[in-house]
Amino acid sequence: MSKISADQVKHVAHLARIAVSNEEAEKMRDELEKITAFVEKLNEVNTDGVEPTSHVLNMKNVMREDVPTDGLPREKVLKNAPQHQDGQFRVPSILE
């Protein structure tokens, strides 16, 4: 595992436009090293025969299938419009 330097932490913080003091950079460096050490431990786990998952629970889509259907007739829709013209909704002008 390569060590993370405080300069690297400051560089990433600069890229993210985050102001970081020397003390904060040192604290973050320690925390990032612990995180990377834990991730490296996870790489040692034998995952042969384990199916990849996107969620820990068995999720099921409860929504209906998205099937295209015909819309309402234009005349019926325009009956609800306060104003319409040439088969379109008419709205107040906002530009001069």
PDB file of N, CA and C in Angstrom:
ATOM      1  N   MET A   1       0.855  -1.176   0.000  1.00  0.00           N
ATOM      2  CA  MET A   1       0.000   0.000   0.000  1.00  0.00           C
ATOM      3  C   MET A   1       0.898   1.236   0.000  1.00  0.00           C
ATOM      4  N   SER A   2       0.652   2.135  -0.907  1.00  0.00           N
ATOM      5  CA  SER A   2       1.432   3.367  -0.940  1.00  0.00           C
ATOM      6  C   SER A   2       0.859   4.350   0.072  1.00  0.00           C
ATOM      7  N   LYS A   3       1.756   5.046   0.708  1.00  0.00           N
ATOM      8  CA  LYS A   3       1.341   6.027   1.712  1.00  0.00           C
ATOM      9  C   LYS A   3       0.756   7.257   1.039  1.00  0.00           C
ATOM     10  N   ILE A   4      -0.231   7.828   1.671  1.00  0.00           N
ATOM     11  CA  ILE A   4      -0.844   9.071   1.196  1.00  0.00           C
ATOM     12  C   ILE A   4      -0.158  10.217   1.922  1.00  0.00           C
ATOM     13  N   SER A   5       0.283  11.193   1.168  1.00  0.00           N
ATOM     14  CA  SER A   5       0.978  12.321   1.786  1.00  0.00           C
ATOM     15  C   SER A   5      -0.002  13.466   2.047  1.00  0.00           C
ATOM     16  N   ALA A   6       0.374  14.338   2.953  1.00  0.00           N
ATOM     17  CA  ALA A   6      -0.448  15.519   3.244  1.00  0.00           C
ATOM     18  C   ALA A   6      -0.525  16.415   2.011  1.00  0.00           C
ATOM     19  N   ASP A   7       0.533  16.425   1.209  1.00  0.00           N
ATOM     20  CA  ASP A   7       0.511  17.220  -0.024  1.00  0.00           C
ATOM     21  C   ASP A   7      -0.527  16.687  -1.008  1.00  0.00           C
ATOM     22  N   GLN A   8      -0.671  15.366  -1.080  1.00  0.00           N
ATOM     23  CA  GLN A   8      -1.692  14.781  -1.947  1.00  0.00           C
ATOM     24  C   GLN A   8      -3.093  15.158  -1.456  1.00  0.00           C
ATOM     25  N   VAL A   9      -3.288  15.131  -0.147  1.00  0.00           N
ATOM     26  CA  VAL A   9      -4.574  15.518   0.420  1.00  0.00           C
ATOM     27  C   VAL A   9      -4.866  16.979   0.090  1.00  0.00           C
ATOM     28  N   LYS A  10      -3.870  17.840   0.237  1.00  0.00           N
ATOM     29  CA  LYS A  10      -4.059  19.256  -0.078  1.00  0.00           C
ATOM     30  C   LYS A  10      -4.338  19.465  -1.562  1.00  0.00           C
ATOM     31  N   HIS A  11      -3.678  18.681  -2.416  1.00  0.00           N
ATOM     32  CA  HIS A  11      -3.900  18.799  -3.858  1.00  0.00           C
ATOM     33  C   HIS A  11      -5.343  18.427  -4.205  1.00  0.00           C
ATOM     34  N   VAL A  12      -5.839  17.322  -3.670  1.00  0.00           N
ATOM     35  CA  VAL A  12      -7.218  16.909  -3.937  1.00  0.00           C
ATOM     36  C   VAL A  12      -8.195  17.927  -3.362  1.00  0.00           C
ATOM     37  N   ALA A  13      -7.896  18.450  -2.182  1.00  0.00           N
ATOM     38  CA  ALA A  13      -8.755  19.474  -1.585  1.00  0.00           C
ATOM     39  C   ALA A  13      -8.780  20.722  -2.463  1.00  0.00           C
ATOM     40  N   HIS A  14      -7.636  21.080  -3.023  1.00  0.00           N
ATOM     41  CA  HIS A  14      -7.577  22.231  -3.923  1.00  0.00           C
ATOM     42  C   HIS A  14      -8.426  22.000  -5.166  1.00  0.00           C
ATOM     43  N   LEU A  15      -8.346  20.791  -5.729  1.00  0.00           N
ATOM     44  CA  LEU A  15      -9.152  20.464  -6.904  1.00  0.00           C
ATOM     45  C   LEU A  15     -10.646  20.537  -6.591  1.00  0.00           C
ATOM     46  N   ALA A  16     -11.008  20.185  -5.350  1.00  0.00           N
ATOM     47  CA  ALA A  16     -12.411  20.230  -4.933  1.00  0.00           C
ATOM     48  C   ALA A  16     -12.795  21.607  -4.407  1.00  0.00           C
ATOM     49  N   ARG A  17     -11.871  22.534  -4.468  1.00  0.00           N
ATOM     50  CA  ARG A  17     -12.100  23.906  -3.994  1.00  0.00           C
ATOM     51  C   ARG A  17     -12.478  23.936  -2.511  1.00  0.00           C
ATOM     52  N   ILE A  18     -11.728  23.148  -1.718  1.00  0.00           N
ATOM     53  CA  ILE A  18     -11.946  23.081  -0.274  1.00  0.00           C
ATOM     54  C   ILE A  18     -10.685  23.595   0.413  1.00  0.00           C
ATOM     55  N   ALA A  19     -10.854  24.540   1.307  1.00  0.00           N
ATOM     56  CA  ALA A  19      -9.714  25.047   2.066  1.00  0.00           C
ATOM     57  C   ALA A  19      -9.406  24.064   3.197  1.00  0.00           C
ATOM     58  N   VAL A  20      -8.142  23.647   3.273  1.00  0.00           N
ATOM     59  CA  VAL A  20      -7.725  22.662   4.274  1.00  0.00           C
ATOM     60  C   VAL A  20      -6.470  23.180   4.966  1.00  0.00           C
ATOM     61  N   SER A  21      -6.511  23.201   6.298  1.00  0.00           N
ATOM     62  CA  SER A  21      -5.329  23.607   7.051  1.00  0.00           C
ATOM     63  C   SER A  21      -4.350  22.431   7.128  1.00  0.00           C
ATOM     64  N   ASN A  22      -3.129  22.700   7.607  1.00  0.00           N
ATOM     65  CA  ASN A  22      -2.138  21.638   7.741  1.00  0.00           C
ATOM     66  C   ASN A  22      -2.601  20.549   8.703  1.00  0.00           C
ATOM     67  N   GLU A  23      -3.242  20.960   9.795  1.00  0.00           N
ATOM     68  CA  GLU A  23      -3.731  19.991  10.775  1.00  0.00           C
ATOM     69  C   GLU A  23      -4.847  19.128  10.178  1.00  0.00           C
ATOM     70  N   GLU A  24      -5.742  19.764   9.427  1.00  0.00           N
ATOM     71  CA  GLU A  24      -6.838  19.019   8.797  1.00  0.00           C
ATOM     72  C   GLU A  24      -6.304  18.058   7.746  1.00  0.00           C
ATOM     73  N   ALA A  25      -5.313  18.499   6.988  1.00  0.00           N
ATOM     74  CA  ALA A  25      -4.725  17.641   5.962  1.00  0.00           C
ATOM     75  C   ALA A  25      -4.076  16.416   6.599  1.00  0.00           C
ATOM     76  N   GLU A  26      -3.412  16.614   7.716  1.00  0.00           N
ATOM     77  CA  GLU A  26      -2.771  15.491   8.407  1.00  0.00           C
ATOM     78  C   GLU A  26      -3.816  14.522   8.952  1.00  0.00           C
ATOM     79  N   LYS A  27      -4.892  15.053   9.510  1.00  0.00           N
ATOM     80  CA  LYS A  27      -5.973  14.207  10.035  1.00  0.00           C
ATOM     81  C   LYS A  27      -6.637  13.428   8.890  1.00  0.00           C
ATOM     82  N   MET A  28      -6.890  14.105   7.787  1.00  0.00           N
ATOM     83  CA  MET A  28      -7.506  13.436   6.631  1.00  0.00           C
ATOM     84  C   MET A  28      -6.578  12.378   6.049  1.00  0.00           C
ATOM     85  N   ARG A  29      -5.285  12.648   6.054  1.00  0.00           N
ATOM     86  CA  ARG A  29      -4.321  11.681   5.557  1.00  0.00           C
ATOM     87  C   ARG A  29      -4.404  10.401   6.367  1.00  0.00           C
ATOM     88  N   ASP A  30      -4.453  10.534   7.698  1.00  0.00           N
ATOM     89  CA  ASP A  30      -4.571   9.360   8.571  1.00  0.00           C
ATOM     90  C   ASP A  30      -5.870   8.597   8.291  1.00  0.00           C
ATOM     91  N   GLU A  31      -6.974   9.335   8.141  1.00  0.00           N
ATOM     92  CA  GLU A  31      -8.262   8.690   7.891  1.00  0.00           C
ATOM     93  C   GLU A  31      -8.282   7.988   6.538  1.00  0.00           C
ATOM     94  N   LEU A  32      -7.702   8.619   5.521  1.00  0.00           N
ATOM     95  CA  LEU A  32      -7.666   8.008   4.200  1.00  0.00           C
ATOM     96  C   LEU A  32      -6.796   6.756   4.182  1.00  0.00           C
ATOM     97  N   GLU A  33      -5.719   6.753   4.939  1.00  0.00           N
ATOM     98  CA  GLU A  33      -4.879   5.560   5.019  1.00  0.00           C
ATOM     99  C   GLU A  33      -5.631   4.413   5.677  1.00  0.00           C
ATOM    100  N   LYS A  34      -6.424   4.716   6.703  1.00  0.00           N
ATOM    101  CA  LYS A  34      -7.238   3.671   7.350  1.00  0.00           C
ATOM    102  C   LYS A  34      -8.283   3.123   6.382  1.00  0.00           C
ATOM    103  N   ILE A  35      -8.883   4.018   5.604  1.00  0.00           N
ATOM    104  CA  ILE A  35      -9.907   3.584   4.643  1.00  0.00           C
ATOM    105  C   ILE A  35      -9.280   2.682   3.586  1.00  0.00           C
ATOM    106  N   THR A  36      -8.142   3.084   3.037  1.00  0.00           N
ATOM    107  CA  THR A  36      -7.510   2.266   1.989  1.00  0.00           C
ATOM    108  C   THR A  36      -7.020   0.936   2.556  1.00  0.00           C
ATOM    109  N   ALA A  37      -6.590   0.918   3.803  1.00  0.00           N
ATOM    110  CA  ALA A  37      -6.169  -0.346   4.428  1.00  0.00           C
ATOM    111  C   ALA A  37      -7.368  -1.277   4.560  1.00  0.00           C
ATOM    112  N   PHE A  38      -8.521  -0.744   4.924  1.00  0.00           N
ATOM    113  CA  PHE A  38      -9.725  -1.564   5.043  1.00  0.00           C
ATOM    114  C   PHE A  38     -10.145  -2.108   3.681  1.00  0.00           C
ATOM    115  N   VAL A  39     -10.082  -1.278   2.642  1.00  0.00           N
ATOM    116  CA  VAL A  39     -10.450  -1.727   1.301  1.00  0.00           C
ATOM    117  C   VAL A  39      -9.499  -2.821   0.839  1.00  0.00           C
ATOM    118  N   GLU A  40      -8.237  -2.700   1.153  1.00  0.00           N
ATOM    119  CA  GLU A  40      -7.283  -3.745   0.787  1.00  0.00           C
ATOM    120  C   GLU A  40      -7.594  -5.051   1.519  1.00  0.00           C
ATOM    121  N   LYS A  41      -8.075  -4.973   2.752  1.00  0.00           N
ATOM    122  CA  LYS A  41      -8.496  -6.176   3.470  1.00  0.00           C
ATOM    123  C   LYS A  41      -9.663  -6.836   2.752  1.00  0.00           C
ATOM    124  N   LEU A  42     -10.586  -6.019   2.243  1.00  0.00           N
ATOM    125  CA  LEU A  42     -11.737  -6.572   1.525  1.00  0.00           C
ATOM    126  C   LEU A  42     -11.302  -7.299   0.270  1.00  0.00           C
ATOM    127  N   ASN A  43     -10.213  -6.863  -0.356  1.00  0.00           N
ATOM    128  CA  ASN A  43      -9.715  -7.528  -1.553  1.00  0.00           C
ATOM    129  C   ASN A  43      -9.215  -8.939  -1.263  1.00  0.00           C
ATOM    130  N   GLU A  44      -8.911  -9.230  -0.003  1.00  0.00           N
ATOM    131  CA  GLU A  44      -8.426 -10.555   0.377  1.00  0.00           C
ATOM    132  C   GLU A  44      -9.563 -11.561   0.552  1.00  0.00           C
ATOM    133  N   VAL A  45     -10.801 -11.109   0.628  1.00  0.00           N
ATOM    134  CA  VAL A  45     -11.939 -11.997   0.849  1.00  0.00           C
ATOM    135  C   VAL A  45     -12.184 -12.831  -0.405  1.00  0.00           C
ATOM    136  N   ASN A  46     -12.399 -14.123  -0.207  1.00  0.00           N
ATOM    137  CA  ASN A  46     -12.669 -15.030  -1.313  1.00  0.00           C
ATOM    138  C   ASN A  46     -14.129 -14.855  -1.745  1.00  0.00           C
ATOM    139  N   THR A  47     -14.328 -14.406  -2.979  1.00  0.00           N
ATOM    140  CA  THR A  47     -15.679 -14.180  -3.485  1.00  0.00           C
ATOM    141  C   THR A  47     -16.013 -15.127  -4.632  1.00  0.00           C
ATOM    142  N   ASP A  48     -15.296 -16.237  -4.746  1.00  0.00           N
ATOM    143  CA  ASP A  48     -15.589 -17.210  -5.798  1.00  0.00           C
ATOM    144  C   ASP A  48     -16.988 -17.776  -5.579  1.00  0.00           C
ATOM    145  N   GLY A  49     -17.789 -17.792  -6.630  1.00  0.00           N
ATOM    146  CA  GLY A  49     -19.130 -18.351  -6.555  1.00  0.00           C
ATOM    147  C   GLY A  49     -20.170 -17.421  -5.973  1.00  0.00           C
ATOM    148  N   VAL A  50     -19.791 -16.194  -5.644  1.00  0.00           N
ATOM    149  CA  VAL A  50     -20.745 -15.232  -5.091  1.00  0.00           C
ATOM    150  C   VAL A  50     -21.243 -14.358  -6.241  1.00  0.00           C
ATOM    151  N   GLU A  51     -22.567 -14.354  -6.416  1.00  0.00           N
ATOM    152  CA  GLU A  51     -23.126 -13.550  -7.501  1.00  0.00           C
ATOM    153  C   GLU A  51     -23.077 -12.072  -7.145  1.00  0.00           C
ATOM    154  N   PRO A  52     -22.744 -11.223  -8.126  1.00  0.00           N
ATOM    155  CA  PRO A  52     -22.755  -9.784  -7.869  1.00  0.00           C
ATOM    156  C   PRO A  52     -24.169  -9.301  -7.567  1.00  0.00           C
ATOM    157  N   THR A  53     -24.274  -8.351  -6.664  1.00  0.00           N
ATOM    158  CA  THR A  53     -25.578  -7.782  -6.325  1.00  0.00           C
ATOM    159  C   THR A  53     -25.504  -6.270  -6.393  1.00  0.00           C
ATOM    160  N   SER A  54     -26.646  -5.667  -6.629  1.00  0.00           N
ATOM    161  CA  SER A  54     -26.700  -4.210  -6.620  1.00  0.00           C
ATOM    162  C   SER A  54     -27.330  -3.705  -5.335  1.00  0.00           C
ATOM    163  N   HIS A  55     -27.924  -4.635  -4.561  1.00  0.00           N
ATOM    164  CA  HIS A  55     -28.578  -4.251  -3.314  1.00  0.00           C
ATOM    165  C   HIS A  55     -28.540  -5.447  -2.386  1.00  0.00           C
ATOM    166  N   VAL A  56     -28.440  -5.202  -1.096  1.00  0.00           N
ATOM    167  CA  VAL A  56     -28.340  -6.313  -0.153  1.00  0.00           C
ATOM    168  C   VAL A  56     -29.663  -7.041   0.017  1.00  0.00           C
ATOM    169  N   LEU A  57     -30.768  -6.382  -0.266  1.00  0.00           N
ATOM    170  CA  LEU A  57     -32.079  -7.016  -0.166  1.00  0.00           C
ATOM    171  C   LEU A  57     -32.569  -7.419  -1.554  1.00  0.00           C
ATOM    172  N   ASN A  58     -33.414  -8.434  -1.594  1.00  0.00           N
ATOM    173  CA  ASN A  58     -33.985  -8.860  -2.860  1.00  0.00           C
ATOM    174  C   ASN A  58     -35.045  -7.846  -3.271  1.00  0.00           C
ATOM    175  N   MET A  59     -34.685  -6.947  -4.172  1.00  0.00           N
ATOM    176  CA  MET A  59     -35.586  -5.885  -4.590  1.00  0.00           C
ATOM    177  C   MET A  59     -36.361  -6.315  -5.825  1.00  0.00           C
ATOM    178  N   LYS A  60     -37.607  -5.863  -5.901  1.00  0.00           N
ATOM    179  CA  LYS A  60     -38.458  -6.190  -7.039  1.00  0.00           C
ATOM    180  C   LYS A  60     -39.159  -4.925  -7.471  1.00  0.00           C
ATOM    181  N   ASN A  61     -39.228  -4.698  -8.768  1.00  0.00           N
ATOM    182  CA  ASN A  61     -39.913  -3.534  -9.285  1.00  0.00           C
ATOM    183  C   ASN A  61     -41.413  -3.756  -9.150  1.00  0.00           C
ATOM    184  N   VAL A  62     -42.091  -2.877  -8.417  1.00  0.00           N
ATOM    185  CA  VAL A  62     -43.530  -3.033  -8.211  1.00  0.00           C
ATOM    186  C   VAL A  62     -44.328  -2.143  -9.155  1.00  0.00           C
ATOM    187  N   MET A  63     -43.642  -1.472 -10.051  1.00  0.00           N
ATOM    188  CA  MET A  63     -44.322  -0.603 -10.992  1.00  0.00           C
ATOM    189  C   MET A  63     -44.825  -1.424 -12.174  1.00  0.00           C
ATOM    190  N   ARG A  64     -45.833  -0.910 -12.821  1.00  0.00           N
ATOM    191  CA  ARG A  64     -46.367  -1.595 -13.989  1.00  0.00           C
ATOM    192  C   ARG A  64     -45.415  -1.431 -15.157  1.00  0.00           C
ATOM    193  N   GLU A  65     -45.589  -2.245 -16.163  1.00  0.00           N
ATOM    194  CA  GLU A  65     -44.801  -2.122 -17.376  1.00  0.00           C
ATOM    195  C   GLU A  65     -45.132  -0.797 -18.058  1.00  0.00           C
ATOM    196  N   ASP A  66     -44.149  -0.195 -18.649  1.00  0.00           N
ATOM    197  CA  ASP A  66     -44.342   1.064 -19.356  1.00  0.00           C
ATOM    198  C   ASP A  66     -44.756   0.754 -20.790  1.00  0.00           C
ATOM    199  N   VAL A  67     -46.071   0.751 -21.004  1.00  0.00           N
ATOM    200  CA  VAL A  67     -46.614   0.397 -22.310  1.00  0.00           C
ATOM    201  C   VAL A  67     -47.211   1.650 -22.935  1.00  0.00           C
ATOM    202  N   PRO A  68     -46.785   2.014 -24.132  1.00  0.00           N
ATOM    203  CA  PRO A  68     -47.352   3.210 -24.771  1.00  0.00           C
ATOM    204  C   PRO A  68     -48.827   2.992 -25.124  1.00  0.00           C
ATOM    205  N   THR A  69     -49.618   4.006 -24.882  1.00  0.00           N
ATOM    206  CA  THR A  69     -51.039   3.965 -25.234  1.00  0.00           C
ATOM    207  C   THR A  69     -51.394   5.265 -25.929  1.00  0.00           C
ATOM    208  N   ASP A  70     -52.548   5.272 -26.559  1.00  0.00           N
ATOM    209  CA  ASP A  70     -53.013   6.488 -27.210  1.00  0.00           C
ATOM    210  C   ASP A  70     -53.379   7.521 -26.149  1.00  0.00           C
ATOM    211  N   GLY A  71     -53.067   8.782 -26.427  1.00  0.00           N
ATOM    212  CA  GLY A  71     -53.420   9.857 -25.513  1.00  0.00           C
ATOM    213  C   GLY A  71     -54.859  10.299 -25.713  1.00  0.00           C
ATOM    214  N   LEU A  72     -55.252  11.300 -24.952  1.00  0.00           N
ATOM    215  CA  LEU A  72     -56.599  11.843 -25.085  1.00  0.00           C
ATOM    216  C   LEU A  72     -56.721  12.617 -26.385  1.00  0.00           C
ATOM    217  N   PRO A  73     -57.917  12.689 -26.929  1.00  0.00           N
ATOM    218  CA  PRO A  73     -58.096  13.510 -28.122  1.00  0.00           C
ATOM    219  C   PRO A  73     -57.846  14.987 -27.819  1.00  0.00           C
ATOM    220  N   ARG A  74     -57.263  15.686 -28.772  1.00  0.00           N
ATOM    221  CA  ARG A  74     -56.892  17.084 -28.584  1.00  0.00           C
ATOM    222  C   ARG A  74     -58.094  17.938 -28.177  1.00  0.00           C
ATOM    223  N   GLU A  75     -59.239  17.695 -28.775  1.00  0.00           N
ATOM    224  CA  GLU A  75     -60.424  18.502 -28.477  1.00  0.00           C
ATOM    225  C   GLU A  75     -60.838  18.337 -27.017  1.00  0.00           C
ATOM    226  N   LYS A  76     -60.741  17.123 -26.511  1.00  0.00           N
ATOM    227  CA  LYS A  76     -61.127  16.870 -25.114  1.00  0.00           C
ATOM    228  C   LYS A  76     -60.152  17.566 -24.157  1.00  0.00           C
ATOM    229  N   VAL A  77     -58.881  17.541 -24.482  1.00  0.00           N
ATOM    230  CA  VAL A  77     -57.871  18.190 -23.632  1.00  0.00           C
ATOM    231  C   VAL A  77     -58.059  19.701 -23.653  1.00  0.00           C
ATOM    232  N   LEU A  78     -58.308  20.266 -24.820  1.00  0.00           N
ATOM    233  CA  LEU A  78     -58.435  21.718 -24.932  1.00  0.00           C
ATOM    234  C   LEU A  78     -59.702  22.245 -24.273  1.00  0.00           C
ATOM    235  N   LYS A  79     -60.680  21.370 -23.989  1.00  0.00           N
ATOM    236  CA  LYS A  79     -61.884  21.805 -23.264  1.00  0.00           C
ATOM    237  C   LYS A  79     -61.524  22.298 -21.865  1.00  0.00           C
ATOM    238  N   ASN A  80     -60.431  21.771 -21.275  1.00  0.00           N
ATOM    239  CA  ASN A  80     -60.000  22.171 -19.936  1.00  0.00           C
ATOM    240  C   ASN A  80     -59.151  23.443 -19.947  1.00  0.00           C
ATOM    241  N   ALA A  81     -58.726  23.879 -21.104  1.00  0.00           N
ATOM    242  CA  ALA A  81     -57.848  25.043 -21.188  1.00  0.00           C
ATOM    243  C   ALA A  81     -58.663  26.324 -21.071  1.00  0.00           C
ATOM    244  N   PRO A  82     -58.178  27.301 -20.278  1.00  0.00           N
ATOM    245  CA  PRO A  82     -58.883  28.585 -20.195  1.00  0.00           C
ATOM    246  C   PRO A  82     -58.938  29.265 -21.558  1.00  0.00           C
ATOM    247  N   GLN A  83     -57.843  29.172 -22.313  1.00  0.00           N
ATOM    248  CA  GLN A  83     -57.794  29.753 -23.660  1.00  0.00           C
ATOM    249  C   GLN A  83     -57.007  28.815 -24.563  1.00  0.00           C
ATOM    250  N   HIS A  84     -57.465  28.675 -25.799  1.00  0.00           N
ATOM    251  CA  HIS A  84     -56.718  27.893 -26.772  1.00  0.00           C
ATOM    252  C   HIS A  84     -56.919  28.501 -28.147  1.00  0.00           C
ATOM    253  N   GLN A  85     -55.937  28.212 -29.001  1.00  0.00           N
ATOM    254  CA  GLN A  85     -55.974  28.776 -30.338  1.00  0.00           C
ATOM    255  C   GLN A  85     -55.215  27.838 -31.273  1.00  0.00           C
ATOM    256  N   ASP A  86     -55.765  27.519 -32.408  1.00  0.00           N
ATOM    257  CA  ASP A  86     -55.137  26.672 -33.417  1.00  0.00           C
ATOM    258  C   ASP A  86     -54.693  25.320 -32.846  1.00  0.00           C
ATOM    259  N   GLY A  87     -55.479  24.748 -31.942  1.00  0.00           N
ATOM    260  CA  GLY A  87     -55.166  23.436 -31.382  1.00  0.00           C
ATOM    261  C   GLY A  87     -54.070  23.436 -30.340  1.00  0.00           C
ATOM    262  N   GLN A  88     -53.746  24.607 -29.777  1.00  0.00           N
ATOM    263  CA  GLN A  88     -52.696  24.707 -28.771  1.00  0.00           C
ATOM    264  C   GLN A  88     -53.193  25.524 -27.589  1.00  0.00           C
ATOM    265  N   PHE A  89     -52.576  25.321 -26.423  1.00  0.00           N
ATOM    266  CA  PHE A  89     -52.882  26.134 -25.261  1.00  0.00           C
ATOM    267  C   PHE A  89     -52.398  27.554 -25.522  1.00  0.00           C
ATOM    268  N   ARG A  90     -53.181  28.518 -25.112  1.00  0.00           N
ATOM    269  CA  ARG A  90     -52.766  29.911 -25.242  1.00  0.00           C
ATOM    270  C   ARG A  90     -52.442  30.431 -23.850  1.00  0.00           C
ATOM    271  N   VAL A  91     -51.242  30.989 -23.714  1.00  0.00           N
ATOM    272  CA  VAL A  91     -50.776  31.478 -22.418  1.00  0.00           C
ATOM    273  C   VAL A  91     -50.370  32.944 -22.575  1.00  0.00           C
ATOM    274  N   PRO A  92     -50.328  33.672 -21.463  1.00  0.00           N
ATOM    275  CA  PRO A  92     -49.903  35.072 -21.552  1.00  0.00           C
ATOM    276  C   PRO A  92     -48.444  35.168 -22.003  1.00  0.00           C
ATOM    277  N   SER A  93     -48.165  36.188 -22.783  1.00  0.00           N
ATOM    278  CA  SER A  93     -46.818  36.419 -23.260  1.00  0.00           C
ATOM    279  C   SER A  93     -45.946  36.923 -22.115  1.00  0.00           C
ATOM    280  N   ILE A  94     -44.729  36.399 -22.039  1.00  0.00           N
ATOM    281  CA  ILE A  94     -43.813  36.859 -20.996  1.00  0.00           C
ATOM    282  C   ILE A  94     -42.668  37.665 -21.586  1.00  0.00           C
ATOM    283  N   LEU A  95     -42.544  37.680 -22.894  1.00  0.00           N
ATOM    284  CA  LEU A  95     -41.500  38.440 -23.572  1.00  0.00           C
ATOM    285  C   LEU A  95     -42.144  39.610 -24.294  1.00  0.00           C
ATOM    286  N   GLU A  96     -41.417  40.681 -24.370  1.00  0.00           N
ATOM    287  CA  GLU A  96     -41.955  41.848 -25.071  1.00  0.00           C
ATOM    288  C   GLU A  96     -41.549  41.838 -26.516  1.00  0.00           C
TER     289      GLU A  96
END
